[in-house]
Amino acid sequence: MARYKITVEYDGTNLIGWQQNRQGPSVQSLLRDALEQFCGLRPDIVAAGRTDAGVHAIAMIAHFDLPTAPEPQTVMRAMNFYLGAEPVAVLNCEIVSDDFNARFSCVRRNYRYVVLNRGTHPVLEKNRVWWVPRKLNVAAMRRAAARLIGTHDFTSFRATQCQAKSPIKTLDTCRITRRGDYVIFEFSARSFLHHQVRNMVGTLVEIGLGKPYDIDDIFAARNRAAAGPTAPAAGLYFVSADYATDAVSEHI
């Protein structure tokens, strides 16, 4: 048996998210389909994060086991061949130790949210950004973002259907950068609640538009209704997953 670690990019526009179910095509189901065509098996594929419908990934990390040990490059080429025109591609593949787990070995998950802040709607980047036509006050958003960093009860920023046992999370990074017409939000943490990033972005954008939200009051309320709206999925990207240096064995 060999355990494979893969790096995957995908456009989530027409996918139901990472997790496989009966409602439509998912990243997980497309990858399993490709493996089945390659080797006749449908192994479980575990990802560093379970992105929602419409969310994209630049470098999602996942792992799966095969009973034999084909060369990693052979596995990657075969998966990409059978993925064909699907909006999913395997960027890297390697054999790792049996104790590596894409989800539980991960020490930090990094997300990016992209807002197009201009008067004209997007054409080339439709479904890949959140279009906010009114000018955003980046300085006000940065002041509010600084209050999000650290360990807090994020109840007001979690989806009502979130199944996490605790709303207490530690946000390591919350960085906001303006690049021309784009406002880029970057978040890093060991783990996030369901919709936490999109709810934080929705709240920060409201603040950038002049709404009188106070982050400390939102935390204290412990009520989803106290925070801003959920930002659209289209602007969200899973950027990368970080692992301890001893979590992965030598490349084989």
Protein backbone atom coordinates (compact mmCIF):
# COMPACT_ATOMS: atom_id res chain seq x y z
CA MET A 1 0.00 0.00 0.00
CA ALA A 2 1.23 3.50 -0.83
CA ARG A 3 -0.11 6.85 0.32
CA TYR A 4 -0.15 9.65 -2.25
CA LYS A 5 -0.19 13.37 -1.54
CA ILE A 6 -1.55 15.48 -4.39
CA THR A 7 -1.77 19.21 -5.01
CA VAL A 8 -4.93 20.20 -6.87
CA GLU A 9 -6.21 23.39 -8.47
CA TYR A 10 -9.82 23.86 -9.48
CA ASP A 11 -12.41 26.32 -10.66
CA GLY A 12 -15.39 25.76 -8.39
CA THR A 13 -17.89 27.75 -10.45
CA ASN A 14 -19.91 24.75 -11.65
CA LEU A 15 -19.01 22.32 -8.85
CA ILE A 16 -20.93 21.63 -5.64
CA GLY A 17 -17.72 21.99 -3.62
CA TRP A 18 -15.09 19.53 -2.49
CA GLN A 19 -17.29 16.92 -0.84
CA GLN A 20 -18.92 14.20 -2.91
CA ASN A 21 -22.69 13.77 -2.64
CA ARG A 22 -25.62 13.07 -4.95
CA GLN A 23 -26.41 16.67 -5.85
CA GLY A 24 -23.87 17.14 -8.63
CA PRO A 25 -20.19 17.04 -9.62
CA SER A 26 -17.69 17.70 -6.82
CA VAL A 27 -13.92 17.96 -6.80
CA GLN A 28 -13.68 14.74 -4.80
CA SER A 29 -15.97 12.79 -7.14
CA LEU A 30 -14.13 13.95 -10.27
CA LEU A 31 -10.77 12.91 -8.79
CA ARG A 32 -12.18 9.53 -7.76
CA ASP A 33 -13.65 9.05 -11.24
CA ALA A 34 -10.22 9.70 -12.75
CA LEU A 35 -8.54 7.22 -10.41
CA GLU A 36 -11.17 4.59 -11.17
CA GLN A 37 -10.50 4.92 -14.88
CA PHE A 38 -6.77 4.68 -14.23
CA CYS A 39 -6.62 1.71 -11.85
CA GLY A 40 -10.18 0.44 -11.34
CA LEU A 41 -10.33 1.73 -7.75
CA ARG A 42 -12.22 4.58 -6.05
CA PRO A 43 -10.14 5.31 -2.94
CA ASP A 44 -11.34 7.81 -0.39
CA ILE A 45 -9.62 11.16 -1.01
CA VAL A 46 -9.09 13.35 2.04
CA ALA A 47 -8.49 17.08 1.57
CA ALA A 48 -6.96 19.77 3.76
CA GLY A 49 -10.22 21.70 3.50
CA ARG A 50 -13.78 21.15 2.30
CA THR A 51 -14.57 24.13 0.11
CA ASP A 52 -18.17 25.08 -0.69
CA ALA A 53 -19.90 25.32 -4.05
CA GLY A 54 -18.40 28.07 -6.19
CA VAL A 55 -15.14 28.32 -4.20
CA HIS A 56 -11.85 27.88 -6.05
CA ALA A 57 -8.49 26.40 -5.10
CA ILE A 58 -4.98 27.36 -6.15
CA ALA A 59 -3.24 24.51 -4.33
CA MET A 60 -5.54 22.22 -2.37
CA ILE A 61 -3.69 19.35 -0.69
CA ALA A 62 -5.26 15.88 -0.52
CA HIS A 63 -4.21 12.29 0.05
CA PHE A 64 -5.36 8.79 -0.90
CA ASP A 65 -4.07 5.22 -0.68
CA LEU A 66 -3.46 2.69 -3.44
CA PRO A 67 -2.70 -1.03 -2.86
CA THR A 68 0.25 -0.85 -5.26
CA ALA A 69 2.81 1.91 -5.75
CA PRO A 70 2.81 3.33 -9.30
CA GLU A 71 5.28 6.14 -9.90
CA PRO A 72 3.81 9.47 -8.72
CA GLN A 73 4.32 11.07 -12.12
CA THR A 74 2.42 8.19 -13.71
CA VAL A 75 -0.46 8.68 -11.31
CA MET A 76 -0.53 12.45 -11.93
CA ARG A 77 -0.43 12.13 -15.70
CA ALA A 78 -3.15 9.49 -15.68
CA MET A 79 -5.44 11.52 -13.42
CA ASN A 80 -5.04 14.63 -15.56
CA PHE A 81 -5.65 12.60 -18.72
CA TYR A 82 -8.92 11.20 -17.39
CA LEU A 83 -9.98 14.54 -15.89
CA GLY A 84 -9.85 15.85 -19.44
CA ALA A 85 -11.78 19.11 -19.77
CA GLU A 86 -13.08 19.09 -16.20
CA PRO A 87 -12.23 22.23 -14.16
CA VAL A 88 -9.82 20.26 -11.95
CA ALA A 89 -6.10 19.54 -12.41
CA VAL A 90 -3.45 17.73 -10.37
CA LEU A 91 -0.36 19.93 -10.13
CA ASN A 92 1.88 17.62 -8.11
CA CYS A 93 1.91 14.06 -6.79
CA GLU A 94 4.26 12.33 -4.35
CA ILE A 95 4.38 9.28 -2.10
CA VAL A 96 4.37 10.15 1.59
CA SER A 97 4.49 8.28 4.88
CA ASP A 98 1.44 6.38 6.06
CA ASP A 99 0.95 8.76 8.98
CA PHE A 100 0.54 11.81 6.75
CA ASN A 101 -3.04 13.08 6.70
CA ALA A 102 -3.97 16.01 4.47
CA ARG A 103 -6.57 17.16 6.98
CA PHE A 104 -5.19 16.32 10.41
CA SER A 105 -1.48 16.89 9.69
CA CYS A 106 -2.22 20.41 8.47
CA VAL A 107 -1.01 23.17 10.81
CA ARG A 108 -2.27 26.16 8.82
CA ARG A 109 -4.78 26.83 6.06
CA ASN A 110 -4.44 29.92 3.88
CA TYR A 111 -7.29 31.61 2.03
CA ARG A 112 -7.55 34.60 -0.28
CA TYR A 113 -10.64 36.61 -1.12
CA VAL A 114 -10.66 38.90 -4.17
CA VAL A 115 -12.92 41.94 -4.51
CA LEU A 116 -13.07 43.89 -7.77
CA ASN A 117 -13.69 47.45 -6.60
CA ARG A 118 -14.58 49.49 -9.68
CA GLY A 119 -17.65 50.95 -11.31
CA THR A 120 -17.69 48.56 -14.26
CA HIS A 121 -18.79 44.94 -13.79
CA PRO A 122 -16.30 42.12 -14.51
CA VAL A 123 -16.36 40.25 -17.79
CA LEU A 124 -13.14 38.24 -17.97
CA GLU A 125 -13.23 37.53 -14.22
CA LYS A 126 -16.90 36.78 -13.85
CA ASN A 127 -17.38 34.07 -11.16
CA ARG A 128 -13.84 34.66 -9.90
CA VAL A 129 -14.25 37.92 -7.95
CA TRP A 130 -16.86 39.76 -5.91
CA TRP A 131 -17.77 42.95 -7.74
CA VAL A 132 -18.26 45.87 -5.35
CA PRO A 133 -18.85 49.03 -7.44
CA ARG A 134 -18.75 51.60 -4.61
CA LYS A 135 -15.31 52.76 -3.42
CA LEU A 136 -14.10 50.90 -0.33
CA ASN A 137 -12.33 52.57 2.58
CA VAL A 138 -9.39 50.21 2.96
CA ALA A 139 -8.01 51.99 6.02
CA ALA A 140 -11.29 51.46 7.91
CA MET A 141 -11.35 47.80 6.91
CA ARG A 142 -7.76 47.31 8.09
CA ARG A 143 -8.56 48.80 11.49
CA ALA A 144 -11.49 46.41 11.86
CA ALA A 145 -9.47 43.46 10.53
CA ALA A 146 -6.87 43.96 13.25
CA ARG A 147 -9.57 43.20 15.84
CA LEU A 148 -10.26 39.82 14.20
CA ILE A 149 -6.72 38.53 14.74
CA GLY A 150 -6.18 36.29 17.76
CA THR A 151 -8.28 33.76 19.65
CA HIS A 152 -11.99 34.60 19.81
CA ASP A 153 -15.46 33.15 19.93
CA PHE A 154 -16.42 33.43 16.24
CA THR A 155 -20.08 32.46 16.73
CA SER A 156 -21.21 35.63 14.96
CA PHE A 157 -19.09 34.70 11.93
CA ARG A 158 -20.09 31.05 11.58
CA ALA A 159 -22.82 29.65 9.36
CA THR A 160 -25.98 28.63 11.22
CA GLN A 161 -25.52 25.08 9.88
CA CYS A 162 -21.88 24.88 11.03
CA GLN A 163 -21.21 21.55 12.76
CA ALA A 164 -17.95 22.47 14.53
CA LYS A 165 -17.98 21.50 18.19
CA SER A 166 -16.56 24.84 19.34
CA PRO A 167 -16.79 28.38 17.91
CA ILE A 168 -13.41 29.27 19.44
CA LYS A 169 -10.81 29.78 16.71
CA THR A 170 -7.44 31.49 16.43
CA LEU A 171 -6.99 33.71 13.39
CA ASP A 172 -3.27 34.15 12.65
CA THR A 173 -3.46 36.50 9.68
CA CYS A 174 -6.00 38.98 8.36
CA ARG A 175 -4.31 41.15 5.74
CA ILE A 176 -5.98 43.59 3.32
CA THR A 177 -4.17 44.97 0.27
CA ARG A 178 -5.36 47.26 -2.53
CA ARG A 179 -3.84 46.52 -5.93
CA GLY A 180 -5.32 48.89 -8.46
CA ASP A 181 -9.01 48.02 -8.77
CA TYR A 182 -8.60 44.92 -6.60
CA VAL A 183 -8.91 44.62 -2.85
CA ILE A 184 -7.27 41.39 -1.64
CA PHE A 185 -8.10 39.79 1.71
CA GLU A 186 -5.72 37.13 3.06
CA PHE A 187 -6.53 34.88 6.00
CA SER A 188 -4.49 32.19 7.75
CA ALA A 189 -5.45 29.89 10.63
CA ARG A 190 -5.12 26.29 11.69
CA SER A 191 -8.82 25.84 10.97
CA PHE A 192 -11.93 27.84 10.15
CA LEU A 193 -15.63 27.57 10.90
CA HIS A 194 -18.13 27.03 8.09
CA HIS A 195 -18.43 30.29 6.10
CA GLN A 196 -16.14 32.08 8.58
CA VAL A 197 -13.94 33.66 5.90
CA ARG A 198 -16.88 34.74 3.73
CA ASN A 199 -18.72 36.17 6.75
CA MET A 200 -15.64 38.11 7.87
CA VAL A 201 -15.17 39.50 4.36
CA GLY A 202 -18.85 40.44 4.11
CA THR A 203 -18.59 42.33 7.40
CA LEU A 204 -15.34 44.07 6.48
CA VAL A 205 -16.74 45.19 3.13
CA GLU A 206 -19.77 46.66 4.90
CA ILE A 207 -17.36 48.58 7.14
CA GLY A 208 -15.46 49.70 4.04
CA LEU A 209 -18.73 51.06 2.67
CA GLY A 210 -19.31 53.09 5.82
CA LYS A 211 -21.59 50.79 7.84
CA PRO A 212 -21.12 51.27 11.63
CA TYR A 213 -20.14 47.71 12.55
CA ASP A 214 -17.96 47.28 15.63
CA ILE A 215 -15.97 44.02 15.71
CA ASP A 216 -15.89 43.83 19.51
CA ASP A 217 -19.68 44.24 19.68
CA ILE A 218 -20.09 41.53 17.02
CA PHE A 219 -17.93 39.11 19.01
CA ALA A 220 -19.84 39.89 22.22
CA ALA A 221 -23.24 39.30 20.56
CA ARG A 222 -22.45 35.67 19.68
CA ASN A 223 -25.20 35.90 17.09
CA ARG A 224 -24.84 35.50 13.33
CA ALA A 225 -27.33 38.34 12.79
CA ALA A 226 -24.91 40.76 14.47
CA ALA A 227 -22.33 40.52 11.67
CA GLY A 228 -22.47 41.49 8.02
CA PRO A 229 -23.70 39.43 5.05
CA THR A 230 -21.96 36.35 3.67
CA ALA A 231 -19.68 37.32 0.81
CA PRO A 232 -20.29 35.43 -2.47
CA ALA A 233 -18.38 32.18 -2.99
CA ALA A 234 -16.95 33.35 -6.32
CA GLY A 235 -14.24 35.54 -4.77
CA LEU A 236 -12.85 32.92 -2.39
CA TYR A 237 -9.73 30.83 -3.06
CA PHE A 238 -8.09 28.11 -0.99
CA VAL A 239 -4.47 29.16 -1.50
CA SER A 240 -2.35 26.59 0.33
CA ALA A 241 -1.97 24.29 3.33
CA ASP A 242 1.05 24.27 5.62
CA TYR A 243 2.46 21.16 7.27
CA ALA A 244 5.10 20.54 9.92
CA THR A 245 8.42 19.62 8.33
CA ASP A 246 8.39 16.17 9.90
CA ALA A 247 4.83 15.37 8.79
CA VAL A 248 5.87 14.09 5.36
CA SER A 249 8.44 11.44 4.62
CA GLU A 250 11.12 11.75 2.01
CA HIS A 251 9.95 11.97 -1.58
CA ILE A 252 10.04 8.53 -3.19
